[in-house]
Amino acid sequence: MKTFYIKIGEIVFSFDSERDLEIEEGLVPFLIEKEETPDVQVFVRWDYDRIRKPTTAAVGQDLIQTYYIEDEMKFCQTEGGPKGTVSQVVYSEDCKTLNCFINGTVYEQQYYSLSWILRLLPMREVFQRFGVVFFHGAQVAVGEDGILFTAPSETGRSTQAKLWITYENARLVCGDRTLVRKTDDKWRCYGYPIDGSSPVRSTEVTELKAIALLKQAKENHIECLRGGKALTQLMPQLVIDGWSASARQRSMELLLELLADVPAYQLSCTPDKEAVDVLKNRLVEDGMRLNGEDQRSIVK
């Protein structure tokens, strides 16, 4: 029996596995020493014969997983096409205990790695239970401050992040998915080790100071998003279980709480330094202290 611990978004997961799991190099920084009271306990088993076949209709489904609720327990099944179900995760309402049963007879080698196991778990629901706002977004760190770029795919999240790296000496924390969580009365940004199409596996933590919703344009323009407009435009950029009414409601509540503390902007932008300057100038005018320094007197 192998047990190890990882921390994602300040949430401690313990993994208790019957078989040795490969921990990829990019995930090693997320490993931590033994934690006596983990937030989430994950038990990984290959005795698939123990699974309980749901007897009621599914309550939700996405491209990969199907969800059931029976007898106050939840089930998350990962489908595998013609070969059948890959795994079943049985978990509690509070998401503090996850029992993952893998169909090792049919699916074997690829499910010996931590990254694959994480993909089998109902991580979106787990994060939401712990107050995480999960964004499709690239995050850069300027000093200890975080700026989040979010937008639909192919709109320029990675491009704007790279421009800040080039012209403002920023650091890329995550390239495609960002976790935002309030701890100690501050909204902090965390990288996600399974980072979509742009893997950036950094454990760096920043305080979120601004959200930039991007829109491609021929000229650069910025406006502050407020109230219902901010909520409406940012909700589609969240990673949530869209089939679940309760998940949508909880995401809306968390996003409203976030927007009460952190400014959001609509940045119509071009893929060049001018876009960086437009956003930077507005952030400084609104009182953001880049790299911990007040730059309002030097911004032109």
C-alpha atoms as a PDB file:
ATOM      1  CA  MET A   1       0.000   0.000   0.000  1.00  0.00           C
ATOM      2  CA  LYS A   2       1.450   3.362  -1.050  1.00  0.00           C
ATOM      3  CA  THR A   3       0.370   6.675   0.470  1.00  0.00           C
ATOM      4  CA  PHE A   4       1.525  10.113  -0.589  1.00  0.00           C
ATOM      5  CA  TYR A   5       0.286  13.697  -0.315  1.00  0.00           C
ATOM      6  CA  ILE A   6      -0.083  16.576  -2.743  1.00  0.00           C
ATOM      7  CA  LYS A   7      -1.289  20.145  -2.302  1.00  0.00           C
ATOM      8  CA  ILE A   8      -3.294  21.961  -4.984  1.00  0.00           C
ATOM      9  CA  GLY A   9      -4.773  25.383  -4.269  1.00  0.00           C
ATOM     10  CA  GLU A  10      -3.941  24.951  -0.564  1.00  0.00           C
ATOM     11  CA  ILE A  11      -6.129  21.827  -0.565  1.00  0.00           C
ATOM     12  CA  VAL A  12      -4.264  18.777   0.752  1.00  0.00           C
ATOM     13  CA  PHE A  13      -5.018  15.445  -0.941  1.00  0.00           C
ATOM     14  CA  SER A  14      -3.848  12.104   0.421  1.00  0.00           C
ATOM     15  CA  PHE A  15      -3.586   9.242  -2.103  1.00  0.00           C
ATOM     16  CA  ASP A  16      -3.762   5.692  -0.816  1.00  0.00           C
ATOM     17  CA  SER A  17      -3.046   3.342  -3.733  1.00  0.00           C
ATOM     18  CA  GLU A  18      -2.905  -0.439  -3.946  1.00  0.00           C
ATOM     19  CA  ARG A  19      -0.295  -0.173  -6.696  1.00  0.00           C
ATOM     20  CA  ASP A  20       2.682   2.064  -7.304  1.00  0.00           C
ATOM     21  CA  LEU A  21       1.740   5.193  -9.218  1.00  0.00           C
ATOM     22  CA  GLU A  22       4.104   7.099 -11.469  1.00  0.00           C
ATOM     23  CA  ILE A  23       4.442  10.704 -10.340  1.00  0.00           C
ATOM     24  CA  GLU A  24       5.483  12.717 -13.354  1.00  0.00           C
ATOM     25  CA  GLU A  25       8.307  15.221 -13.011  1.00  0.00           C
ATOM     26  CA  GLY A  26       5.936  18.159 -13.445  1.00  0.00           C
ATOM     27  CA  LEU A  27       3.849  17.028 -10.476  1.00  0.00           C
ATOM     28  CA  VAL A  28       6.740  16.473  -8.079  1.00  0.00           C
ATOM     29  CA  PRO A  29       6.663  20.119  -6.836  1.00  0.00           C
ATOM     30  CA  PHE A  30       3.105  19.535  -5.594  1.00  0.00           C
ATOM     31  CA  LEU A  31       4.186  16.678  -3.306  1.00  0.00           C
ATOM     32  CA  ILE A  32       4.283  17.492   0.399  1.00  0.00           C
ATOM     33  CA  GLU A  33       5.272  15.729   3.580  1.00  0.00           C
ATOM     34  CA  LYS A  34       2.779  13.559   5.415  1.00  0.00           C
ATOM     35  CA  GLU A  35      -0.268  15.510   6.541  1.00  0.00           C
ATOM     36  CA  GLU A  36      -2.135  14.081   9.520  1.00  0.00           C
ATOM     37  CA  THR A  37      -5.428  15.712   8.575  1.00  0.00           C
ATOM     38  CA  PRO A  38      -5.715  15.928   4.766  1.00  0.00           C
ATOM     39  CA  ASP A  39      -8.658  17.837   3.335  1.00  0.00           C
ATOM     40  CA  VAL A  40      -9.473  15.092   0.817  1.00  0.00           C
ATOM     41  CA  GLN A  41      -8.686  11.380   1.083  1.00  0.00           C
ATOM     42  CA  VAL A  42      -8.413   9.466  -2.200  1.00  0.00           C
ATOM     43  CA  PHE A  43      -8.392   5.669  -2.182  1.00  0.00           C
ATOM     44  CA  VAL A  44      -7.313   4.113  -5.491  1.00  0.00           C
ATOM     45  CA  ARG A  45      -8.259   0.462  -6.070  1.00  0.00           C
ATOM     46  CA  TRP A  46      -8.094  -1.932  -9.009  1.00  0.00           C
ATOM     47  CA  ASP A  47     -10.709  -4.376  -7.668  1.00  0.00           C
ATOM     48  CA  TYR A  48     -13.286  -3.204 -10.165  1.00  0.00           C
ATOM     49  CA  ASP A  49     -15.588  -6.099  -9.253  1.00  0.00           C
ATOM     50  CA  ARG A  50     -16.530  -4.094  -6.169  1.00  0.00           C
ATOM     51  CA  ILE A  51     -18.166  -1.305  -8.132  1.00  0.00           C
ATOM     52  CA  ARG A  52     -21.814  -0.660  -7.613  1.00  0.00           C
ATOM     53  CA  LYS A  53     -23.786  -0.381 -10.804  1.00  0.00           C
ATOM     54  CA  PRO A  54     -26.168   2.587 -10.571  1.00  0.00           C
ATOM     55  CA  THR A  55     -29.825   1.632 -10.769  1.00  0.00           C
ATOM     56  CA  THR A  56     -31.157   5.138 -11.454  1.00  0.00           C
ATOM     57  CA  ALA A  57     -30.795   7.490 -14.383  1.00  0.00           C
ATOM     58  CA  ALA A  58     -27.742   9.708 -14.631  1.00  0.00           C
ATOM     59  CA  VAL A  59     -28.107  13.211 -13.169  1.00  0.00           C
ATOM     60  CA  GLY A  60     -25.492  14.701 -15.483  1.00  0.00           C
ATOM     61  CA  GLN A  61     -22.949  13.993 -18.164  1.00  0.00           C
ATOM     62  CA  ASP A  62     -20.052  15.691 -19.928  1.00  0.00           C
ATOM     63  CA  LEU A  63     -17.819  14.508 -22.774  1.00  0.00           C
ATOM     64  CA  ILE A  64     -15.982  12.029 -20.545  1.00  0.00           C
ATOM     65  CA  GLN A  65     -17.837  11.401 -17.308  1.00  0.00           C
ATOM     66  CA  THR A  66     -21.335  10.431 -16.202  1.00  0.00           C
ATOM     67  CA  TYR A  67     -22.724  11.311 -12.765  1.00  0.00           C
ATOM     68  CA  TYR A  68     -25.231   9.533 -10.521  1.00  0.00           C
ATOM     69  CA  ILE A  69     -26.677  10.079  -7.050  1.00  0.00           C
ATOM     70  CA  GLU A  70     -28.037   7.153  -5.034  1.00  0.00           C
ATOM     71  CA  ASP A  71     -28.624   6.689  -1.302  1.00  0.00           C
ATOM     72  CA  GLU A  72     -26.957   9.995  -0.450  1.00  0.00           C
ATOM     73  CA  MET A  73     -23.762   8.917  -2.251  1.00  0.00           C
ATOM     74  CA  LYS A  74     -22.414  10.265  -5.515  1.00  0.00           C
ATOM     75  CA  PHE A  75     -20.921   8.327  -8.399  1.00  0.00           C
ATOM     76  CA  CYS A  76     -18.667   9.633 -11.149  1.00  0.00           C
ATOM     77  CA  GLN A  77     -18.021   7.175 -14.000  1.00  0.00           C
ATOM     78  CA  THR A  78     -15.401   7.742 -16.686  1.00  0.00           C
ATOM     79  CA  GLU A  79     -16.484   6.155 -19.943  1.00  0.00           C
ATOM     80  CA  GLY A  80     -14.033   4.557 -22.352  1.00  0.00           C
ATOM     81  CA  GLY A  81     -15.931   3.933 -25.547  1.00  0.00           C
ATOM     82  CA  PRO A  82     -16.328   0.368 -26.883  1.00  0.00           C
ATOM     83  CA  LYS A  83     -14.196  -1.117 -24.097  1.00  0.00           C
ATOM     84  CA  GLY A  84     -16.615   0.070 -21.450  1.00  0.00           C
ATOM     85  CA  THR A  85     -16.284   2.071 -18.249  1.00  0.00           C
ATOM     86  CA  VAL A  86     -12.741   3.062 -17.252  1.00  0.00           C
ATOM     87  CA  SER A  87     -13.406   3.836 -13.608  1.00  0.00           C
ATOM     88  CA  GLN A  88     -15.998   4.653 -11.002  1.00  0.00           C
ATOM     89  CA  VAL A  89     -15.480   7.138  -8.177  1.00  0.00           C
ATOM     90  CA  VAL A  90     -17.802   6.907  -5.191  1.00  0.00           C
ATOM     91  CA  TYR A  91     -17.667   9.984  -3.009  1.00  0.00           C
ATOM     92  CA  SER A  92     -19.355  11.782  -0.167  1.00  0.00           C
ATOM     93  CA  GLU A  93     -21.453  14.922  -0.409  1.00  0.00           C
ATOM     94  CA  ASP A  94     -18.662  16.994   1.157  1.00  0.00           C
ATOM     95  CA  CYS A  95     -16.097  15.530  -1.290  1.00  0.00           C
ATOM     96  CA  LYS A  96     -13.737  14.680   1.568  1.00  0.00           C
ATOM     97  CA  THR A  97     -13.546  10.985   0.709  1.00  0.00           C
ATOM     98  CA  LEU A  98     -13.123   9.696  -2.868  1.00  0.00           C
ATOM     99  CA  ASN A  99     -13.034   5.951  -3.590  1.00  0.00           C
ATOM    100  CA  CYS A 100     -11.701   5.388  -7.099  1.00  0.00           C
ATOM    101  CA  PHE A 101     -12.148   1.912  -8.618  1.00  0.00           C
ATOM    102  CA  ILE A 102     -10.225   1.375 -11.861  1.00  0.00           C
ATOM    103  CA  ASN A 103     -11.078  -1.237 -14.463  1.00  0.00           C
ATOM    104  CA  GLY A 104      -7.510  -2.548 -14.556  1.00  0.00           C
ATOM    105  CA  THR A 105      -8.419  -5.662 -16.512  1.00  0.00           C
ATOM    106  CA  VAL A 106      -9.279  -3.648 -19.600  1.00  0.00           C
ATOM    107  CA  TYR A 107      -7.439  -0.400 -18.950  1.00  0.00           C
ATOM    108  CA  GLU A 108      -4.102  -0.829 -17.297  1.00  0.00           C
ATOM    109  CA  GLN A 109      -0.847   0.900 -18.120  1.00  0.00           C
ATOM    110  CA  GLN A 110      -2.037   4.480 -18.660  1.00  0.00           C
ATOM    111  CA  TYR A 111      -3.769   4.528 -15.279  1.00  0.00           C
ATOM    112  CA  TYR A 112      -0.612   3.996 -13.276  1.00  0.00           C
ATOM    113  CA  SER A 113       0.237   7.707 -13.277  1.00  0.00           C
ATOM    114  CA  LEU A 114      -0.941  10.447 -10.949  1.00  0.00           C
ATOM    115  CA  SER A 115      -1.942  12.729 -13.813  1.00  0.00           C
ATOM    116  CA  TRP A 116      -4.358  10.116 -15.158  1.00  0.00           C
ATOM    117  CA  ILE A 117      -5.816   9.407 -11.735  1.00  0.00           C
ATOM    118  CA  LEU A 118      -6.508  13.122 -11.251  1.00  0.00           C
ATOM    119  CA  ARG A 119      -8.410  13.129 -14.536  1.00  0.00           C
ATOM    120  CA  LEU A 120     -10.693  10.379 -13.260  1.00  0.00           C
ATOM    121  CA  LEU A 121     -11.741  12.297 -10.148  1.00  0.00           C
ATOM    122  CA  PRO A 122     -14.611  14.811  -9.893  1.00  0.00           C
ATOM    123  CA  MET A 123     -12.101  17.635  -9.385  1.00  0.00           C
ATOM    124  CA  ARG A 124     -14.429  20.451 -10.456  1.00  0.00           C
ATOM    125  CA  GLU A 125     -16.860  19.557  -7.684  1.00  0.00           C
ATOM    126  CA  VAL A 126     -14.051  19.100  -5.164  1.00  0.00           C
ATOM    127  CA  PHE A 127     -12.648  22.545  -5.917  1.00  0.00           C
ATOM    128  CA  GLN A 128     -16.054  24.156  -5.672  1.00  0.00           C
ATOM    129  CA  ARG A 129     -16.674  22.562  -2.274  1.00  0.00           C
ATOM    130  CA  PHE A 130     -13.530  24.296  -1.051  1.00  0.00           C
ATOM    131  CA  GLY A 131     -14.501  27.704  -2.424  1.00  0.00           C
ATOM    132  CA  VAL A 132     -12.331  27.672  -5.553  1.00  0.00           C
ATOM    133  CA  VAL A 133     -13.225  29.730  -8.623  1.00  0.00           C
ATOM    134  CA  PHE A 134     -11.822  27.658 -11.508  1.00  0.00           C
ATOM    135  CA  PHE A 135     -11.000  29.751 -14.585  1.00  0.00           C
ATOM    136  CA  HIS A 136     -10.080  29.047 -18.168  1.00  0.00           C
ATOM    137  CA  GLY A 137      -7.235  31.513 -17.988  1.00  0.00           C
ATOM    138  CA  ALA A 138      -3.525  32.246 -18.103  1.00  0.00           C
ATOM    139  CA  GLN A 139      -1.985  33.823 -15.044  1.00  0.00           C
ATOM    140  CA  VAL A 140       1.169  35.883 -14.770  1.00  0.00           C
ATOM    141  CA  ALA A 141       2.963  37.072 -11.663  1.00  0.00           C
ATOM    142  CA  VAL A 142       4.329  40.615 -11.490  1.00  0.00           C
ATOM    143  CA  GLY A 143       6.349  40.624  -8.318  1.00  0.00           C
ATOM    144  CA  GLU A 144       3.966  38.954  -5.865  1.00  0.00           C
ATOM    145  CA  ASP A 145       0.839  40.156  -7.680  1.00  0.00           C
ATOM    146  CA  GLY A 146      -1.246  38.089 -10.040  1.00  0.00           C
ATOM    147  CA  ILE A 147      -2.984  39.166 -13.243  1.00  0.00           C
ATOM    148  CA  LEU A 148      -5.438  36.732 -14.801  1.00  0.00           C
ATOM    149  CA  PHE A 149      -6.130  36.730 -18.540  1.00  0.00           C
ATOM    150  CA  THR A 150      -9.316  34.934 -19.445  1.00  0.00           C
ATOM    151  CA  ALA A 151     -11.222  34.576 -22.713  1.00  0.00           C
ATOM    152  CA  PRO A 152     -12.681  31.927 -25.019  1.00  0.00           C
ATOM    153  CA  SER A 153     -10.144  29.642 -26.670  1.00  0.00           C
ATOM    154  CA  GLU A 154      -8.014  31.109 -29.454  1.00  0.00           C
ATOM    155  CA  THR A 155      -8.670  34.680 -28.276  1.00  0.00           C
ATOM    156  CA  GLY A 156      -5.155  35.439 -27.057  1.00  0.00           C
ATOM    157  CA  ARG A 157      -4.780  34.450 -23.404  1.00  0.00           C
ATOM    158  CA  SER A 158      -1.337  32.944 -23.939  1.00  0.00           C
ATOM    159  CA  THR A 159      -0.292  35.768 -26.258  1.00  0.00           C
ATOM    160  CA  GLN A 160      -1.082  38.517 -23.742  1.00  0.00           C
ATOM    161  CA  ALA A 161       0.594  36.554 -20.949  1.00  0.00           C
ATOM    162  CA  LYS A 162       3.753  36.173 -23.047  1.00  0.00           C
ATOM    163  CA  LEU A 163       3.736  39.897 -23.861  1.00  0.00           C
ATOM    164  CA  TRP A 164       3.775  40.684 -20.139  1.00  0.00           C
ATOM    165  CA  ILE A 165       6.677  38.272 -19.712  1.00  0.00           C
ATOM    166  CA  THR A 166       8.571  40.020 -22.503  1.00  0.00           C
ATOM    167  CA  TYR A 167       7.885  43.649 -21.618  1.00  0.00           C
ATOM    168  CA  GLU A 168       7.147  43.650 -17.874  1.00  0.00           C
ATOM    169  CA  ASN A 169       9.401  40.868 -16.615  1.00  0.00           C
ATOM    170  CA  ALA A 170       6.358  38.878 -15.492  1.00  0.00           C
ATOM    171  CA  ARG A 171       6.442  35.152 -14.742  1.00  0.00           C
ATOM    172  CA  LEU A 172       4.029  32.617 -16.171  1.00  0.00           C
ATOM    173  CA  VAL A 173       2.314  30.698 -13.375  1.00  0.00           C
ATOM    174  CA  CYS A 174      -0.268  28.790 -15.436  1.00  0.00           C
ATOM    175  CA  GLY A 175      -1.045  28.849 -19.103  1.00  0.00           C
ATOM    176  CA  ASP A 176      -4.572  27.517 -19.495  1.00  0.00           C
ATOM    177  CA  ARG A 177      -6.326  26.945 -16.161  1.00  0.00           C
ATOM    178  CA  THR A 178      -6.131  28.952 -12.957  1.00  0.00           C
ATOM    179  CA  LEU A 179      -7.505  28.272  -9.486  1.00  0.00           C
ATOM    180  CA  VAL A 180      -8.600  31.315  -7.475  1.00  0.00           C
ATOM    181  CA  ARG A 181      -9.396  30.931  -3.785  1.00  0.00           C
ATOM    182  CA  LYS A 182      -9.910  33.290  -0.873  1.00  0.00           C
ATOM    183  CA  THR A 183      -7.636  32.594   2.094  1.00  0.00           C
ATOM    184  CA  ASP A 184      -6.829  34.957   4.951  1.00  0.00           C
ATOM    185  CA  ASP A 185      -9.164  37.563   3.382  1.00  0.00           C
ATOM    186  CA  LYS A 186      -7.158  37.671   0.145  1.00  0.00           C
ATOM    187  CA  TRP A 187      -7.927  36.134  -3.232  1.00  0.00           C
ATOM    188  CA  ARG A 188      -4.963  34.059  -4.280  1.00  0.00           C
ATOM    189  CA  CYS A 189      -4.115  32.379  -7.587  1.00  0.00           C
ATOM    190  CA  TYR A 190      -2.760  28.870  -7.928  1.00  0.00           C
ATOM    191  CA  GLY A 191      -1.571  26.793 -10.832  1.00  0.00           C
ATOM    192  CA  TYR A 192      -3.314  23.539 -11.708  1.00  0.00           C
ATOM    193  CA  PRO A 193      -1.029  20.563 -12.405  1.00  0.00           C
ATOM    194  CA  ILE A 194      -3.338  19.215 -15.115  1.00  0.00           C
ATOM    195  CA  ASP A 195      -3.192  22.470 -17.041  1.00  0.00           C
ATOM    196  CA  GLY A 196      -5.256  21.899 -20.177  1.00  0.00           C
ATOM    197  CA  SER A 197      -3.551  22.485 -23.499  1.00  0.00           C
ATOM    198  CA  SER A 198      -0.694  24.597 -22.063  1.00  0.00           C
ATOM    199  CA  PRO A 199       0.948  22.657 -19.222  1.00  0.00           C
ATOM    200  CA  VAL A 200       2.619  25.003 -16.739  1.00  0.00           C
ATOM    201  CA  ARG A 201       3.121  23.211 -13.453  1.00  0.00           C
ATOM    202  CA  SER A 202       4.148  25.897 -11.000  1.00  0.00           C
ATOM    203  CA  THR A 203       3.412  25.932  -7.295  1.00  0.00           C
ATOM    204  CA  GLU A 204       3.876  29.699  -7.136  1.00  0.00           C
ATOM    205  CA  VAL A 205       1.098  31.527  -5.297  1.00  0.00           C
ATOM    206  CA  THR A 206       0.157  35.132  -6.047  1.00  0.00           C
ATOM    207  CA  GLU A 207      -2.426  37.567  -4.777  1.00  0.00           C
ATOM    208  CA  LEU A 208      -4.912  38.244  -7.555  1.00  0.00           C
ATOM    209  CA  LYS A 209      -5.054  41.960  -8.289  1.00  0.00           C
ATOM    210  CA  ALA A 210      -6.919  42.096 -11.619  1.00  0.00           C
ATOM    211  CA  ILE A 211      -8.892  40.025 -14.127  1.00  0.00           C
ATOM    212  CA  ALA A 212      -8.607  40.921 -17.807  1.00  0.00           C
ATOM    213  CA  LEU A 213     -11.304  39.536 -20.097  1.00  0.00           C
ATOM    214  CA  LEU A 214      -9.789  39.631 -23.574  1.00  0.00           C
ATOM    215  CA  LYS A 215     -11.334  40.486 -26.901  1.00  0.00           C
ATOM    216  CA  GLN A 216      -9.423  40.698 -30.162  1.00  0.00           C
ATOM    217  CA  ALA A 217      -9.596  44.115 -31.815  1.00  0.00           C
ATOM    218  CA  LYS A 218      -7.773  46.356 -34.276  1.00  0.00           C
ATOM    219  CA  GLU A 219      -7.270  49.019 -31.607  1.00  0.00           C
ATOM    220  CA  ASN A 220      -6.636  48.755 -27.881  1.00  0.00           C
ATOM    221  CA  HIS A 221      -9.366  49.801 -25.494  1.00  0.00           C
ATOM    222  CA  ILE A 222     -10.096  49.013 -21.864  1.00  0.00           C
ATOM    223  CA  GLU A 223     -13.178  49.392 -19.698  1.00  0.00           C
ATOM    224  CA  CYS A 224     -14.021  48.302 -16.182  1.00  0.00           C
ATOM    225  CA  LEU A 225     -16.626  45.548 -15.933  1.00  0.00           C
ATOM    226  CA  ARG A 226     -19.134  45.975 -13.144  1.00  0.00           C
ATOM    227  CA  GLY A 227     -22.173  44.260 -11.688  1.00  0.00           C
ATOM    228  CA  GLY A 228     -24.318  42.116 -13.912  1.00  0.00           C
ATOM    229  CA  LYS A 229     -22.198  42.764 -16.988  1.00  0.00           C
ATOM    230  CA  ALA A 230     -19.085  41.432 -15.281  1.00  0.00           C
ATOM    231  CA  LEU A 231     -20.934  38.376 -14.021  1.00  0.00           C
ATOM    232  CA  THR A 232     -22.524  37.622 -17.393  1.00  0.00           C
ATOM    233  CA  GLN A 233     -19.292  37.907 -19.343  1.00  0.00           C
ATOM    234  CA  LEU A 234     -17.082  36.019 -16.891  1.00  0.00           C
ATOM    235  CA  MET A 235     -19.371  33.084 -16.069  1.00  0.00           C
ATOM    236  CA  PRO A 236     -18.699  31.376 -19.436  1.00  0.00           C
ATOM    237  CA  GLN A 237     -14.971  31.456 -18.639  1.00  0.00           C
ATOM    238  CA  LEU A 238     -15.363  29.233 -15.566  1.00  0.00           C
ATOM    239  CA  VAL A 239     -14.621  25.523 -15.514  1.00  0.00           C
ATOM    240  CA  ILE A 240     -17.769  24.059 -13.949  1.00  0.00           C
ATOM    241  CA  ASP A 241     -20.159  21.133 -14.220  1.00  0.00           C
ATOM    242  CA  GLY A 242     -22.510  22.960 -16.532  1.00  0.00           C
ATOM    243  CA  TRP A 243     -25.168  20.251 -16.295  1.00  0.00           C
ATOM    244  CA  SER A 244     -25.601  20.890 -12.547  1.00  0.00           C
ATOM    245  CA  ALA A 245     -27.910  23.709 -11.461  1.00  0.00           C
ATOM    246  CA  SER A 246     -26.366  23.705  -7.979  1.00  0.00           C
ATOM    247  CA  ALA A 247     -22.846  23.967  -9.460  1.00  0.00           C
ATOM    248  CA  ARG A 248     -23.890  26.911 -11.615  1.00  0.00           C
ATOM    249  CA  GLN A 249     -25.493  28.634  -8.631  1.00  0.00           C
ATOM    250  CA  ARG A 250     -22.476  28.080  -6.391  1.00  0.00           C
ATOM    251  CA  SER A 251     -20.117  29.306  -9.125  1.00  0.00           C
ATOM    252  CA  MET A 252     -22.184  32.457  -9.492  1.00  0.00           C
ATOM    253  CA  GLU A 253     -22.050  33.090  -5.744  1.00  0.00           C
ATOM    254  CA  LEU A 254     -18.270  32.608  -5.625  1.00  0.00           C
ATOM    255  CA  LEU A 255     -17.725  34.796  -8.678  1.00  0.00           C
ATOM    256  CA  LEU A 256     -19.837  37.600  -7.196  1.00  0.00           C
ATOM    257  CA  GLU A 257     -17.795  37.412  -4.008  1.00  0.00           C
ATOM    258  CA  LEU A 258     -14.597  37.598  -6.046  1.00  0.00           C
ATOM    259  CA  LEU A 259     -15.791  40.553  -8.134  1.00  0.00           C
ATOM    260  CA  ALA A 260     -16.645  42.470  -4.963  1.00  0.00           C
ATOM    261  CA  ASP A 261     -12.945  42.452  -4.090  1.00  0.00           C
ATOM    262  CA  VAL A 262     -10.998  42.228  -7.355  1.00  0.00           C
ATOM    263  CA  PRO A 263     -11.477  44.536 -10.375  1.00  0.00           C
ATOM    264  CA  ALA A 264     -12.334  43.026 -13.750  1.00  0.00           C
ATOM    265  CA  TYR A 265     -11.699  44.696 -17.107  1.00  0.00           C
ATOM    266  CA  GLN A 266     -12.694  44.135 -20.711  1.00  0.00           C
ATOM    267  CA  LEU A 267      -9.489  44.518 -22.723  1.00  0.00           C
ATOM    268  CA  SER A 268     -10.034  44.864 -26.455  1.00  0.00           C
ATOM    269  CA  CYS A 269      -6.506  44.327 -27.645  1.00  0.00           C
ATOM    270  CA  THR A 270      -3.932  43.840 -30.337  1.00  0.00           C
ATOM    271  CA  PRO A 271      -1.116  41.267 -29.968  1.00  0.00           C
ATOM    272  CA  ASP A 272       1.642  43.763 -29.223  1.00  0.00           C
ATOM    273  CA  LYS A 273       3.269  45.951 -26.572  1.00  0.00           C
ATOM    274  CA  GLU A 274       0.592  48.615 -26.850  1.00  0.00           C
ATOM    275  CA  ALA A 275      -1.918  46.209 -25.297  1.00  0.00           C
ATOM    276  CA  VAL A 276       0.440  45.731 -22.355  1.00  0.00           C
ATOM    277  CA  ASP A 277       0.784  49.481 -21.899  1.00  0.00           C
ATOM    278  CA  VAL A 278      -2.977  50.083 -22.037  1.00  0.00           C
ATOM    279  CA  LEU A 279      -3.683  47.496 -19.347  1.00  0.00           C
ATOM    280  CA  LYS A 280      -0.719  48.497 -17.201  1.00  0.00           C
ATOM    281  CA  ASN A 281      -1.614  52.175 -17.281  1.00  0.00           C
ATOM    282  CA  ARG A 282      -5.205  51.461 -16.263  1.00  0.00           C
ATOM    283  CA  LEU A 283      -4.121  49.181 -13.425  1.00  0.00           C
ATOM    284  CA  VAL A 284      -1.715  51.789 -12.095  1.00  0.00           C
ATOM    285  CA  GLU A 285      -4.319  54.557 -12.425  1.00  0.00           C
ATOM    286  CA  ASP A 286      -6.691  52.384 -10.385  1.00  0.00           C
ATOM    287  CA  GLY A 287      -4.113  52.031  -7.644  1.00  0.00           C
ATOM    288  CA  MET A 288      -2.397  48.726  -8.365  1.00  0.00           C
ATOM    289  CA  ARG A 289       1.168  48.764  -7.065  1.00  0.00           C
ATOM    290  CA  LEU A 290       3.101  46.703  -9.588  1.00  0.00           C
ATOM    291  CA  ASN A 291       6.077  44.983  -7.964  1.00  0.00           C
ATOM    292  CA  GLY A 292       4.970  46.608  -4.711  1.00  0.00           C
ATOM    293  CA  GLU A 293       5.688  50.124  -5.954  1.00  0.00           C
ATOM    294  CA  ASP A 294       3.338  53.000  -6.635  1.00  0.00           C
ATOM    295  CA  GLN A 295       3.926  53.799 -10.313  1.00  0.00           C
ATOM    296  CA  ARG A 296       1.210  56.392 -10.858  1.00  0.00           C
ATOM    297  CA  SER A 297       3.783  59.178 -10.896  1.00  0.00           C
ATOM    298  CA  ILE A 298       5.812  57.583 -13.688  1.00  0.00           C
ATOM    299  CA  VAL A 299       3.097  56.272 -15.987  1.00  0.00           C
ATOM    300  CA  LYS A 300       2.581  58.490 -18.986  1.00  0.00           C
END
